[in-house]
C-alpha atoms as a PDB file:
ATOM      1  CA  MET A   1    -178.362  73.912  51.040  1.00  0.00           C
ATOM      2  CA  GLY A   2    -176.705  72.812  53.794  1.00  0.00           C
ATOM      3  CA  VAL A   3    -172.651  74.506  54.058  1.00  0.00           C
ATOM      4  CA  PHE A   4    -170.834  74.545  50.740  1.00  0.00           C
ATOM      5  CA  ALA A   5    -167.474  76.217  49.959  1.00  0.00           C
ATOM      6  CA  ARG A   6    -165.078  77.308  47.153  1.00  0.00           C
ATOM      7  CA  GLY A   7    -162.163  78.435  47.546  1.00  0.00           C
ATOM      8  CA  ARG A   8    -161.798  81.124  50.721  1.00  0.00           C
ATOM      9  CA  TYR A   9    -165.561  81.161  50.238  1.00  0.00           C
ATOM     10  CA  GLN A  10    -168.935  78.809  52.249  1.00  0.00           C
ATOM     11  CA  THR A  11    -172.258  79.772  52.077  1.00  0.00           C
ATOM     12  CA  ARG A  12    -174.965  78.696  54.433  1.00  0.00           C
ATOM     13  CA  PHE A  13    -178.402  80.131  54.533  1.00  0.00           C
ATOM     14  CA  ALA A  14    -179.246  83.163  57.809  1.00  0.00           C
ATOM     15  CA  ASP A  15    -179.985  80.494  61.101  1.00  0.00           C
ATOM     16  CA  THR A  16    -180.129  83.350  63.589  1.00  0.00           C
ATOM     17  CA  ARG A  17    -182.080  86.954  63.994  1.00  0.00           C
ATOM     18  CA  ALA A  18    -177.887  87.759  63.690  1.00  0.00           C
ATOM     19  CA  ASP A  19    -177.283  86.506  60.701  1.00  0.00           C
ATOM     20  CA  VAL A  20    -180.444  88.406  59.410  1.00  0.00           C
ATOM     21  CA  LEU A  21    -179.491  91.848  60.946  1.00  0.00           C
ATOM     22  CA  ALA A  22    -176.145  91.268  59.218  1.00  0.00           C
ATOM     23  CA  ALA A  23    -176.693  90.996  55.935  1.00  0.00           C
ATOM     24  CA  GLN A  24    -179.725  93.452  55.792  1.00  0.00           C
ATOM     25  CA  THR A  25    -176.827  96.121  57.230  1.00  0.00           C
ATOM     26  CA  LEU A  26    -175.021  94.749  54.405  1.00  0.00           C
ATOM     27  CA  ARG A  27    -178.096  95.235  51.849  1.00  0.00           C
ATOM     28  CA  ALA A  28    -177.662  99.094  54.070  1.00  0.00           C
ATOM     29  CA  ARG A  29    -174.399 100.102  53.117  1.00  0.00           C
ATOM     30  CA  THR A  30    -174.258  97.868  49.454  1.00  0.00           C
ATOM     31  CA  PHE A  31    -177.841 100.514  47.900  1.00  0.00           C
ATOM     32  CA  ARG A  32    -177.935 103.340  50.761  1.00  0.00           C
ATOM     33  CA  GLY A  33    -174.338 104.013  51.774  1.00  0.00           C
ATOM     34  CA  PRO A  34    -172.350 104.092  54.719  1.00  0.00           C
ATOM     35  CA  GLY A  35    -174.529 104.732  58.136  1.00  0.00           C
ATOM     36  CA  ALA A  36    -177.426 104.112  56.668  1.00  0.00           C
ATOM     37  CA  GLN A  37    -180.305 102.109  58.951  1.00  0.00           C
ATOM     38  CA  PRO A  38    -180.618  98.317  58.336  1.00  0.00           C
ATOM     39  CA  ASP A  39    -182.448  97.821  54.901  1.00  0.00           C
ATOM     40  CA  ALA A  40    -185.315  95.306  55.926  1.00  0.00           C
ATOM     41  CA  ASP A  41    -188.402  95.233  54.891  1.00  0.00           C
ATOM     42  CA  ALA A  42    -192.413  93.168  55.132  1.00  0.00           C
ATOM     43  CA  PHE A  43    -190.951  90.245  52.938  1.00  0.00           C
ATOM     44  CA  ASP A  44    -188.002  89.511  54.556  1.00  0.00           C
ATOM     45  CA  ALA A  45    -189.859  87.069  57.034  1.00  0.00           C
ATOM     46  CA  GLN A  46    -190.959  85.102  54.250  1.00  0.00           C
ATOM     47  CA  CYS A  47    -187.802  85.547  52.897  1.00  0.00           C
ATOM     48  CA  LEU A  48    -184.321  82.205  53.478  1.00  0.00           C
ATOM     49  CA  HIS A  49    -181.230  84.558  53.805  1.00  0.00           C
ATOM     50  CA  VAL A  50    -178.272  83.346  52.117  1.00  0.00           C
ATOM     51  CA  MET A  51    -175.049  84.446  53.769  1.00  0.00           C
ATOM     52  CA  ILE A  52    -171.867  84.498  51.521  1.00  0.00           C
ATOM     53  CA  GLU A  53    -168.934  84.736  53.420  1.00  0.00           C
ATOM     54  CA  ASP A  54    -164.930  84.696  53.844  1.00  0.00           C
ATOM     55  CA  ALA A  55    -163.825  81.875  55.653  1.00  0.00           C
ATOM     56  CA  ARG A  56    -160.828  83.669  56.585  1.00  0.00           C
ATOM     57  CA  THR A  57    -162.157  86.736  58.617  1.00  0.00           C
ATOM     58  CA  GLN A  58    -165.601  85.044  59.289  1.00  0.00           C
ATOM     59  CA  SER A  59    -166.818  88.176  57.607  1.00  0.00           C
ATOM     60  CA  LEU A  60    -169.963  88.810  55.174  1.00  0.00           C
ATOM     61  CA  ALA A  61    -168.841  89.187  51.713  1.00  0.00           C
ATOM     62  CA  CYS A  62    -171.805  88.952  50.107  1.00  0.00           C
ATOM     63  CA  CYS A  63    -176.115  87.924  50.942  1.00  0.00           C
ATOM     64  CA  PHE A  64    -179.172  87.825  48.567  1.00  0.00           C
ATOM     65  CA  ARG A  65    -182.935  85.980  49.596  1.00  0.00           C
ATOM     66  CA  LEU A  66    -184.773  83.997  48.042  1.00  0.00           C
ATOM     67  CA  ILE A  67    -189.099  83.075  48.139  1.00  0.00           C
ATOM     68  CA  HIS A  68    -190.016  79.795  46.829  1.00  0.00           C
ATOM     69  CA  LEU A  69    -193.114  79.156  45.893  1.00  0.00           C
ATOM     70  CA  GLN A  70    -194.576  76.311  44.256  1.00  0.00           C
ATOM     71  CA  SER A  71    -195.881  77.369  40.956  1.00  0.00           C
ATOM     72  CA  GLY A  72    -196.530  81.347  39.051  1.00  0.00           C
ATOM     73  CA  ALA A  73    -199.703  81.188  40.823  1.00  0.00           C
ATOM     74  CA  GLU A  74    -198.500  82.101  43.682  1.00  0.00           C
ATOM     75  CA  ILE A  75    -196.266  84.994  41.967  1.00  0.00           C
ATOM     76  CA  GLY A  76    -198.206  87.558  43.359  1.00  0.00           C
ATOM     77  CA  LYS A  77    -196.250  87.129  46.994  1.00  0.00           C
ATOM     78  CA  SER A  78    -193.239  88.379  45.877  1.00  0.00           C
ATOM     79  CA  TYR A  79    -191.662  91.156  45.813  1.00  0.00           C
ATOM     80  CA  SER A  80    -191.491  91.721  41.859  1.00  0.00           C
ATOM     81  CA  ALA A  81    -195.512  91.738  41.949  1.00  0.00           C
ATOM     82  CA  GLN A  82    -195.168  95.803  43.489  1.00  0.00           C
ATOM     83  CA  PHE A  83    -194.522  96.621  40.359  1.00  0.00           C
ATOM     84  CA  TYR A  84    -194.830  94.356  37.562  1.00  0.00           C
ATOM     85  CA  ASP A  85    -197.735  93.110  36.491  1.00  0.00           C
ATOM     86  CA  LEU A  86    -197.202  89.849  36.601  1.00  0.00           C
ATOM     87  CA  SER A  87    -200.252  87.762  35.977  1.00  0.00           C
ATOM     88  CA  ALA A  88    -198.896  86.375  32.051  1.00  0.00           C
ATOM     89  CA  LEU A  89    -196.717  83.786  34.817  1.00  0.00           C
ATOM     90  CA  GLU A  90    -199.479  83.109  36.902  1.00  0.00           C
ATOM     91  CA  GLY A  91    -200.208  80.137  34.013  1.00  0.00           C
ATOM     92  CA  PHE A  92    -196.541  78.804  34.718  1.00  0.00           C
ATOM     93  CA  SER A  93    -197.318  75.358  35.723  1.00  0.00           C
ATOM     94  CA  GLY A  94    -193.676  74.908  37.950  1.00  0.00           C
ATOM     95  CA  PRO A  95    -191.693  75.863  41.560  1.00  0.00           C
ATOM     96  CA  ILE A  96    -190.347  79.225  41.006  1.00  0.00           C
ATOM     97  CA  VAL A  97    -188.079  81.501  42.707  1.00  0.00           C
ATOM     98  CA  GLU A  98    -187.382  84.987  43.010  1.00  0.00           C
ATOM     99  CA  MET A  99    -183.775  86.233  44.203  1.00  0.00           C
ATOM    100  CA  GLY A 100    -183.526  89.332  44.588  1.00  0.00           C
ATOM    101  CA  ARG A 101    -181.989  92.510  47.422  1.00  0.00           C
ATOM    102  CA  PHE A 102    -178.600  90.370  45.836  1.00  0.00           C
ATOM    103  CA  CYS A 103    -175.772  92.786  47.258  1.00  0.00           C
ATOM    104  CA  ILE A 104    -171.447  92.240  47.215  1.00  0.00           C
ATOM    105  CA  ALA A 105    -170.089  93.641  49.883  1.00  0.00           C
ATOM    106  CA  PRO A 106    -167.620  97.615  48.201  1.00  0.00           C
ATOM    107  CA  GLU A 107    -164.288  95.866  49.663  1.00  0.00           C
ATOM    108  CA  TYR A 108    -165.643  92.036  47.485  1.00  0.00           C
ATOM    109  CA  GLN A 109    -166.569  94.078  44.579  1.00  0.00           C
ATOM    110  CA  GLY A 110    -164.505  93.052  41.671  1.00  0.00           C
ATOM    111  CA  ASP A 111    -163.911  89.444  42.910  1.00  0.00           C
ATOM    112  CA  ALA A 112    -165.612  87.097  40.102  1.00  0.00           C
ATOM    113  CA  ASP A 113    -165.469  84.458  42.524  1.00  0.00           C
ATOM    114  CA  ILE A 114    -168.120  85.375  44.865  1.00  0.00           C
ATOM    115  CA  LEU A 115    -170.872  85.679  41.322  1.00  0.00           C
ATOM    116  CA  ARG A 116    -170.099  82.015  40.383  1.00  0.00           C
ATOM    117  CA  VAL A 117    -170.293  80.839  44.621  1.00  0.00           C
ATOM    118  CA  ALA A 118    -173.451  82.485  44.764  1.00  0.00           C
ATOM    119  CA  TRP A 119    -174.253  80.319  41.127  1.00  0.00           C
ATOM    120  CA  GLY A 120    -173.082  77.134  42.487  1.00  0.00           C
ATOM    121  CA  ALA A 121    -175.275  77.777  45.712  1.00  0.00           C
ATOM    122  CA  MET A 122    -178.511  78.494  43.224  1.00  0.00           C
ATOM    123  CA  ALA A 123    -177.599  75.575  41.094  1.00  0.00           C
ATOM    124  CA  LYS A 124    -178.081  73.095  44.340  1.00  0.00           C
ATOM    125  CA  PHE A 125    -180.957  74.698  46.043  1.00  0.00           C
ATOM    126  CA  VAL A 126    -182.084  74.542  41.872  1.00  0.00           C
ATOM    127  CA  ASP A 127    -181.791  71.021  41.943  1.00  0.00           C
ATOM    128  CA  ALA A 128    -183.101  70.412  45.480  1.00  0.00           C
ATOM    129  CA  HIS A 129    -185.778  71.567  44.623  1.00  0.00           C
ATOM    130  CA  ASP A 130    -186.674  70.773  41.219  1.00  0.00           C
ATOM    131  CA  VAL A 131    -187.978  74.483  40.362  1.00  0.00           C
ATOM    132  CA  GLU A 132    -188.416  75.791  37.141  1.00  0.00           C
ATOM    133  CA  LEU A 133    -187.867  79.191  37.112  1.00  0.00           C
ATOM    134  CA  LEU A 134    -186.057  82.131  38.150  1.00  0.00           C
ATOM    135  CA  PHE A 135    -186.820  85.579  38.636  1.00  0.00           C
ATOM    136  CA  GLY A 136    -186.141  88.777  40.229  1.00  0.00           C
ATOM    137  CA  CYS A 137    -185.866  92.469  39.823  1.00  0.00           C
ATOM    138  CA  SER A 138    -182.297  93.223  38.586  1.00  0.00           C
ATOM    139  CA  SER A 139    -180.894  96.972  39.029  1.00  0.00           C
ATOM    140  CA  PHE A 140    -178.603  99.166  37.416  1.00  0.00           C
ATOM    141  CA  GLN A 141    -177.012 101.926  39.396  1.00  0.00           C
ATOM    142  CA  GLY A 142    -178.573 105.709  39.337  1.00  0.00           C
ATOM    143  CA  ALA A 143    -182.580 105.966  39.072  1.00  0.00           C
ATOM    144  CA  GLU A 144    -181.618 108.402  35.743  1.00  0.00           C
ATOM    145  CA  ALA A 145    -182.403 106.251  32.231  1.00  0.00           C
ATOM    146  CA  GLU A 146    -180.063 108.061  30.496  1.00  0.00           C
ATOM    147  CA  ALA A 147    -176.907 106.398  32.599  1.00  0.00           C
ATOM    148  CA  HIS A 148    -178.204 103.048  30.529  1.00  0.00           C
ATOM    149  CA  LEU A 149    -179.857 103.756  27.024  1.00  0.00           C
ATOM    150  CA  ASP A 150    -177.137 101.933  25.596  1.00  0.00           C
ATOM    151  CA  ALA A 151    -177.750  98.899  27.732  1.00  0.00           C
ATOM    152  CA  LEU A 152    -181.473  99.134  27.977  1.00  0.00           C
ATOM    153  CA  ALA A 153    -181.128  99.631  24.338  1.00  0.00           C
ATOM    154  CA  LEU A 154    -179.708  96.043  23.633  1.00  0.00           C
ATOM    155  CA  LEU A 155    -181.919  94.162  25.649  1.00  0.00           C
ATOM    156  CA  ARG A 156    -184.622  95.320  23.472  1.00  0.00           C
ATOM    157  CA  GLU A 157    -182.721  94.007  20.435  1.00  0.00           C
ATOM    158  CA  ARG A 158    -181.875  90.536  22.472  1.00  0.00           C
ATOM    159  CA  HIS A 159    -183.380  89.783  25.824  1.00  0.00           C
ATOM    160  CA  LEU A 160    -186.609  90.529  25.763  1.00  0.00           C
ATOM    161  CA  ALA A 161    -189.320  88.093  27.459  1.00  0.00           C
ATOM    162  CA  PRO A 162    -191.010  85.412  25.500  1.00  0.00           C
ATOM    163  CA  LYS A 163    -194.284  87.286  24.467  1.00  0.00           C
ATOM    164  CA  ARG A 164    -196.591  84.439  26.745  1.00  0.00           C
ATOM    165  CA  TRP A 165    -194.172  85.718  29.956  1.00  0.00           C
ATOM    166  CA  LEU A 166    -193.883  88.817  28.908  1.00  0.00           C
ATOM    167  CA  PRO A 167    -195.379  91.202  31.968  1.00  0.00           C
ATOM    168  CA  ARG A 168    -196.981  94.140  31.493  1.00  0.00           C
ATOM    169  CA  VAL A 169    -196.213  97.919  33.270  1.00  0.00           C
ATOM    170  CA  LYS A 170    -197.658  98.159  36.336  1.00  0.00           C
ATOM    171  CA  ALA A 171    -195.409 101.498  37.966  1.00  0.00           C
ATOM    172  CA  PRO A 172    -196.311 104.681  38.233  1.00  0.00           C
ATOM    173  CA  ARG A 173    -193.116 105.628  36.984  1.00  0.00           C
ATOM    174  CA  VAL A 174    -191.345 103.819  34.158  1.00  0.00           C
ATOM    175  CA  ILE A 175    -189.358 104.081  31.398  1.00  0.00           C
ATOM    176  CA  GLN A 176    -190.651 102.004  28.403  1.00  0.00           C
ATOM    177  CA  PHE A 177    -187.428 101.319  26.418  1.00  0.00           C
ATOM    178  CA  ALA A 178    -189.072  98.689  23.854  1.00  0.00           C
ATOM    179  CA  LYS A 179    -190.289 101.023  21.748  1.00  0.00           C
ATOM    180  CA  SER A 180    -187.630 104.494  21.077  1.00  0.00           C
ATOM    181  CA  LEU A 181    -183.992 104.186  21.938  1.00  0.00           C
ATOM    182  CA  ARG A 182    -181.192 104.158  19.523  1.00  0.00           C
ATOM    183  CA  LYS A 183    -179.153 101.203  17.944  1.00  0.00           C
ATOM    184  CA  PRO A 184    -177.000 100.204  21.322  1.00  0.00           C
ATOM    185  CA  ASP A 185    -173.185 100.572  21.691  1.00  0.00           C
ATOM    186  CA  LEU A 186    -172.565  97.494  21.840  1.00  0.00           C
ATOM    187  CA  LYS A 187    -168.767  97.771  24.257  1.00  0.00           C
ATOM    188  CA  ALA A 188    -170.523 100.651  26.727  1.00  0.00           C
ATOM    189  CA  ALA A 189    -173.755  98.449  26.996  1.00  0.00           C
ATOM    190  CA  GLN A 190    -171.744  95.390  27.983  1.00  0.00           C
ATOM    191  CA  ARG A 191    -169.527  97.372  30.687  1.00  0.00           C
ATOM    192  CA  ALA A 192    -173.271  99.483  32.023  1.00  0.00           C
ATOM    193  CA  MET A 193    -174.665  95.865  32.230  1.00  0.00           C
ATOM    194  CA  PRO A 194    -174.865  95.078  36.226  1.00  0.00           C
ATOM    195  CA  PRO A 195    -172.792  91.281  37.000  1.00  0.00           C
ATOM    196  CA  LEU A 196    -175.976  90.022  37.779  1.00  0.00           C
ATOM    197  CA  LEU A 197    -178.307  91.191  34.777  1.00  0.00           C
ATOM    198  CA  ARG A 198    -175.004  89.776  32.326  1.00  0.00           C
ATOM    199  CA  SER A 199    -174.598  86.192  34.457  1.00  0.00           C
ATOM    200  CA  TYR A 200    -178.209  85.584  34.379  1.00  0.00           C
ATOM    201  CA  LEU A 201    -178.496  86.585  30.122  1.00  0.00           C
ATOM    202  CA  ALA A 202    -176.314  84.344  29.825  1.00  0.00           C
ATOM    203  CA  MET A 203    -177.210  81.777  30.961  1.00  0.00           C
ATOM    204  CA  GLY A 204    -180.536  82.881  28.114  1.00  0.00           C
ATOM    205  CA  GLY A 205    -182.921  84.725  31.118  1.00  0.00           C
ATOM    206  CA  TRP A 206    -184.854  87.484  29.019  1.00  0.00           C
ATOM    207  CA  VAL A 207    -186.542  90.251  30.538  1.00  0.00           C
ATOM    208  CA  SER A 208    -189.053  92.905  30.998  1.00  0.00           C
ATOM    209  CA  ASP A 209    -189.443  95.849  28.102  1.00  0.00           C
ATOM    210  CA  HIS A 210    -189.640  98.566  30.707  1.00  0.00           C
ATOM    211  CA  ALA A 211    -187.975  99.394  33.298  1.00  0.00           C
ATOM    212  CA  VAL A 212    -188.884 100.290  36.698  1.00  0.00           C
ATOM    213  CA  VAL A 213    -187.445 103.828  38.311  1.00  0.00           C
ATOM    214  CA  ASP A 214    -187.157 103.241  41.959  1.00  0.00           C
ATOM    215  CA  THR A 215    -185.910 106.236  43.609  1.00  0.00           C
ATOM    216  CA  ASP A 216    -185.310 105.306  46.809  1.00  0.00           C
ATOM    217  CA  LEU A 217    -183.055 103.669  46.432  1.00  0.00           C
ATOM    218  CA  ASN A 218    -182.083 104.976  43.208  1.00  0.00           C
ATOM    219  CA  THR A 219    -181.775 102.464  40.805  1.00  0.00           C
ATOM    220  CA  LEU A 220    -183.119 101.570  37.588  1.00  0.00           C
ATOM    221  CA  HIS A 221    -184.356  98.100  37.240  1.00  0.00           C
ATOM    222  CA  VAL A 222    -186.106  95.268  35.023  1.00  0.00           C
ATOM    223  CA  PHE A 223    -187.798  91.983  35.754  1.00  0.00           C
ATOM    224  CA  THR A 224    -185.480  89.105  34.799  1.00  0.00           C
ATOM    225  CA  GLY A 225    -186.344  85.962  34.207  1.00  0.00           C
ATOM    226  CA  LEU A 226    -184.368  82.178  33.806  1.00  0.00           C
ATOM    227  CA  GLU A 227    -186.031  79.560  32.572  1.00  0.00           C
ATOM    228  CA  ILE A 228    -184.322  75.917  34.313  1.00  0.00           C
ATOM    229  CA  LYS A 229    -184.595  74.257  31.031  1.00  0.00           C
ATOM    230  CA  GLY A 230    -183.327  76.640  29.002  1.00  0.00           C
ATOM    231  CA  ILE A 231    -179.855  77.118  30.404  1.00  0.00           C
ATOM    232  CA  PRO A 232    -177.465  76.198  27.832  1.00  0.00           C
ATOM    233  CA  PRO A 233    -175.785  72.771  29.395  1.00  0.00           C
ATOM    234  CA  ALA A 234    -172.880  72.599  28.886  1.00  0.00           C
ATOM    235  CA  ARG A 235    -173.348  76.252  31.129  1.00  0.00           C
ATOM    236  CA  ALA A 236    -175.520  73.925  33.551  1.00  0.00           C
ATOM    237  CA  ARG A 237    -172.607  71.696  34.066  1.00  0.00           C
ATOM    238  CA  LEU A 238    -170.546  74.310  35.227  1.00  0.00           C
ATOM    239  CA  LEU A 239    -172.204  75.332  37.644  1.00  0.00           C
ATOM    240  CA  ARG A 240    -173.465  72.267  39.026  1.00  0.00           C
ATOM    241  CA  ALA A 241    -169.560  71.908  38.895  1.00  0.00           C
ATOM    242  CA  ILE A 242    -168.751  74.459  40.613  1.00  0.00           C
END
């Protein structure tokens, strides 16, 4: 990826243990609250860690991590495979990348340029490695389903995965929103949709037919996939222009 800059933000891979620790510390602040121990797990060792920094202050504004796999045959190595039965995607023949632990520092929340820079950097990585599928877990803050019912109903109506790729239930606690949810309030659904998931969907992304309850991080998450060939050409040009 190299150093990638836009405006006040620059993006690079973590290249030292201190960089990775900084990312884990930001993850802890975002997911677990102030004063929490660094958010680390066994997957960190196999990941590429992406840092988005404020060039003016050198502070870490955003981070996420990538697991680069040669094809769907390796999808069992992913973080998402702990929670979803992804056997349908084992037949995906091209290179795939899991994008996970995406977080923005609280003091930078609301700056849309950060998300634009993140997707611009991903466009560079996708092009450089001929990636054909991006995937990951998209999280709603709060593990109680009631707060997210309109958003989940909208996912059911418009954004379910193609049947040939549809993940099956694996986790012990899930919300099977494809079965019985009310008709969504569209405005409420859009407000409740996490920004990263909204970006995936705007590019043609799709989701599982159920959400997983993650009590550890107090989130509700859905498996999310984005086939690169399905991104609208105008949006793909915009990402590359960034």
